[in-house]
Amino acid sequence: MFPAFEVLGSVAGVSFLVVMSYGALTENKRFLSLGICLFSIIPITGEVYLYLLSDHSIHLFFLLIFLIQMMVSLPINSSSKPTIYLCKKIRLAILVFNLLHGFLILSVLFNVPLQFGFMHLVVALTMLYIIVKTNQK
């Protein structure tokens, strides 16, 4: 992987994870959504880069998943019942996608630095924390 892309992606990823974690710990939905939305940009650029290098169609599949994750995690100002119900499903989907993608990266199936796999696991753990915390209320 191109070293500048790796360094820039790592710094941006940690920054977005801090915003997302801050939103989760303070129960600030806007920061949580913003952190997830911005973090989704990193896998999108990574999957485009890997697709251009290898021409494997699996990278297009992951690209589509993280485009959807970015779109559904855009911050919104609504508290209606359907929106709250969808938020629960979206959190679960984000947890599953990032957990699987993190494990795929850590299993060294792709030529991706391991820190990106750990970042996906942090997103999954943050979503698990939010799911558990909201179910306790």
Protein backbone atom coordinates (compact mmCIF):
# COMPACT_ATOMS: atom_id res chain seq x y z
CA MET A 1 0.00 0.00 0.00
CA PHE A 2 1.14 3.51 -0.74
CA PRO A 3 2.83 4.84 2.48
CA ALA A 4 1.31 8.33 2.33
CA PHE A 5 -2.17 6.83 1.98
CA GLU A 6 -1.50 4.58 4.97
CA VAL A 7 -0.30 7.45 7.19
CA LEU A 8 -3.06 9.83 6.12
CA GLY A 9 -5.71 7.12 6.50
CA SER A 10 -4.43 6.19 9.95
CA VAL A 11 -4.40 9.77 11.24
CA ALA A 12 -7.83 10.52 9.77
CA GLY A 13 -9.21 7.21 11.02
CA VAL A 14 -8.08 7.78 14.59
CA SER A 15 -9.48 11.32 14.47
CA PHE A 16 -12.86 10.09 13.27
CA LEU A 17 -12.85 7.30 15.86
CA VAL A 18 -12.26 9.89 18.59
CA VAL A 19 -15.25 11.94 17.37
CA MET A 20 -17.40 8.80 17.22
CA SER A 21 -16.31 7.58 20.66
CA TYR A 22 -16.91 11.01 22.16
CA GLY A 23 -20.42 10.97 20.72
CA ALA A 24 -21.03 7.48 22.12
CA LEU A 25 -19.75 8.27 25.61
CA THR A 26 -21.58 11.60 25.91
CA GLU A 27 -24.70 10.24 24.16
CA ASN A 28 -24.41 12.96 21.54
CA LYS A 29 -26.09 11.52 18.44
CA ARG A 30 -24.73 14.16 16.09
CA PHE A 31 -21.08 13.46 16.96
CA LEU A 32 -21.67 9.72 16.84
CA SER A 33 -23.29 9.91 13.41
CA LEU A 34 -20.71 12.36 12.13
CA GLY A 35 -17.83 10.15 13.28
CA ILE A 36 -19.29 7.06 11.61
CA CYS A 37 -20.09 8.97 8.42
CA LEU A 38 -16.58 10.43 8.17
CA PHE A 39 -14.94 7.13 9.12
CA SER A 40 -16.79 5.45 6.25
CA ILE A 41 -14.83 7.58 3.79
CA ILE A 42 -11.61 5.72 4.66
CA PRO A 43 -12.82 2.23 3.63
CA ILE A 44 -14.43 3.73 0.53
CA THR A 45 -11.14 5.21 -0.65
CA GLY A 46 -9.28 2.07 0.38
CA GLU A 47 -11.60 -0.22 -1.54
CA VAL A 48 -11.37 1.97 -4.66
CA TYR A 49 -7.58 1.87 -4.36
CA LEU A 50 -7.53 -1.91 -3.90
CA TYR A 51 -9.95 -2.45 -6.78
CA LEU A 52 -7.78 -0.39 -9.09
CA LEU A 53 -4.73 -2.43 -8.05
CA SER A 54 -6.19 -5.93 -8.17
CA ASP A 55 -9.41 -5.73 -10.24
CA HIS A 56 -11.19 -8.15 -7.85
CA SER A 57 -14.95 -7.58 -7.71
CA ILE A 58 -15.09 -8.23 -3.93
CA HIS A 59 -13.72 -4.71 -3.47
CA LEU A 60 -16.76 -3.30 -5.30
CA PHE A 61 -19.00 -5.19 -2.88
CA PHE A 62 -17.25 -3.67 0.13
CA LEU A 63 -17.27 -0.27 -1.56
CA LEU A 64 -21.05 -0.49 -1.90
CA ILE A 65 -21.45 -1.56 1.74
CA PHE A 66 -19.48 1.39 3.06
CA LEU A 67 -21.21 3.84 0.71
CA ILE A 68 -24.50 2.67 2.19
CA GLN A 69 -23.04 2.92 5.71
CA MET A 70 -21.96 6.49 5.01
CA MET A 71 -25.38 7.45 3.68
CA VAL A 72 -27.41 5.91 6.51
CA SER A 73 -25.16 7.41 9.18
CA LEU A 74 -25.63 11.00 8.06
CA PRO A 75 -26.79 13.07 11.05
CA ILE A 76 -30.55 13.73 11.04
CA ASN A 77 -32.84 15.75 13.28
CA SER A 78 -35.80 13.46 13.80
CA SER A 79 -37.17 11.61 16.79
CA SER A 80 -40.23 9.92 15.30
CA LYS A 81 -40.96 6.28 16.12
CA PRO A 82 -40.06 4.91 12.65
CA THR A 83 -36.73 6.76 12.76
CA ILE A 84 -35.88 5.35 16.19
CA TYR A 85 -36.81 1.84 15.03
CA LEU A 86 -34.62 2.20 11.94
CA CYS A 87 -31.74 3.52 14.03
CA LYS A 88 -31.68 0.27 16.00
CA LYS A 89 -31.46 -1.77 12.79
CA ILE A 90 -28.81 0.54 11.34
CA ARG A 91 -26.66 0.21 14.46
CA LEU A 92 -26.80 -3.56 14.19
CA ALA A 93 -25.91 -3.43 10.48
CA ILE A 94 -22.94 -1.13 11.15
CA LEU A 95 -21.79 -3.47 13.92
CA VAL A 96 -21.95 -6.55 11.66
CA PHE A 97 -20.34 -4.90 8.61
CA ASN A 98 -17.43 -3.45 10.56
CA LEU A 99 -16.91 -6.62 12.58
CA LEU A 100 -16.73 -8.75 9.45
CA HIS A 101 -14.56 -6.28 7.57
CA GLY A 102 -12.21 -5.96 10.54
CA PHE A 103 -11.82 -9.73 10.75
CA LEU A 104 -11.23 -9.95 7.00
CA ILE A 105 -8.45 -7.38 7.23
CA LEU A 106 -6.90 -9.04 10.29
CA SER A 107 -6.98 -12.44 8.59
CA VAL A 108 -4.55 -10.98 6.01
CA LEU A 109 -6.73 -11.92 3.02
CA PHE A 110 -6.08 -8.51 1.50
CA ASN A 111 -2.96 -6.39 1.33
CA VAL A 112 -4.24 -3.93 3.93
CA PRO A 113 -2.31 -2.72 7.01
CA LEU A 114 -3.60 -4.24 10.22
CA GLN A 115 -4.36 -0.94 11.95
CA PHE A 116 -7.34 -0.48 9.63
CA GLY A 117 -8.71 -3.83 10.79
CA PHE A 118 -8.41 -2.73 14.40
CA MET A 119 -10.18 0.54 13.54
CA HIS A 120 -13.13 -1.41 12.15
CA LEU A 121 -13.23 -3.47 15.36
CA VAL A 122 -13.31 -0.23 17.39
CA VAL A 123 -16.33 0.92 15.35
CA ALA A 124 -18.01 -2.46 15.96
CA LEU A 125 -17.29 -2.28 19.71
CA THR A 126 -18.65 1.27 19.86
CA MET A 127 -21.85 0.12 18.15
CA LEU A 128 -22.09 -2.80 20.58
CA TYR A 129 -21.70 -0.34 23.47
CA ILE A 130 -24.49 1.86 22.06
CA ILE A 131 -26.79 -1.13 21.49
CA VAL A 132 -26.25 -2.46 25.02
CA LYS A 133 -26.61 0.98 26.58
CA THR A 134 -29.87 1.76 24.75
CA ASN A 135 -31.34 -1.62 25.61
CA GLN A 136 -30.66 -1.07 29.32
CA LYS A 137 -32.78 2.11 29.37
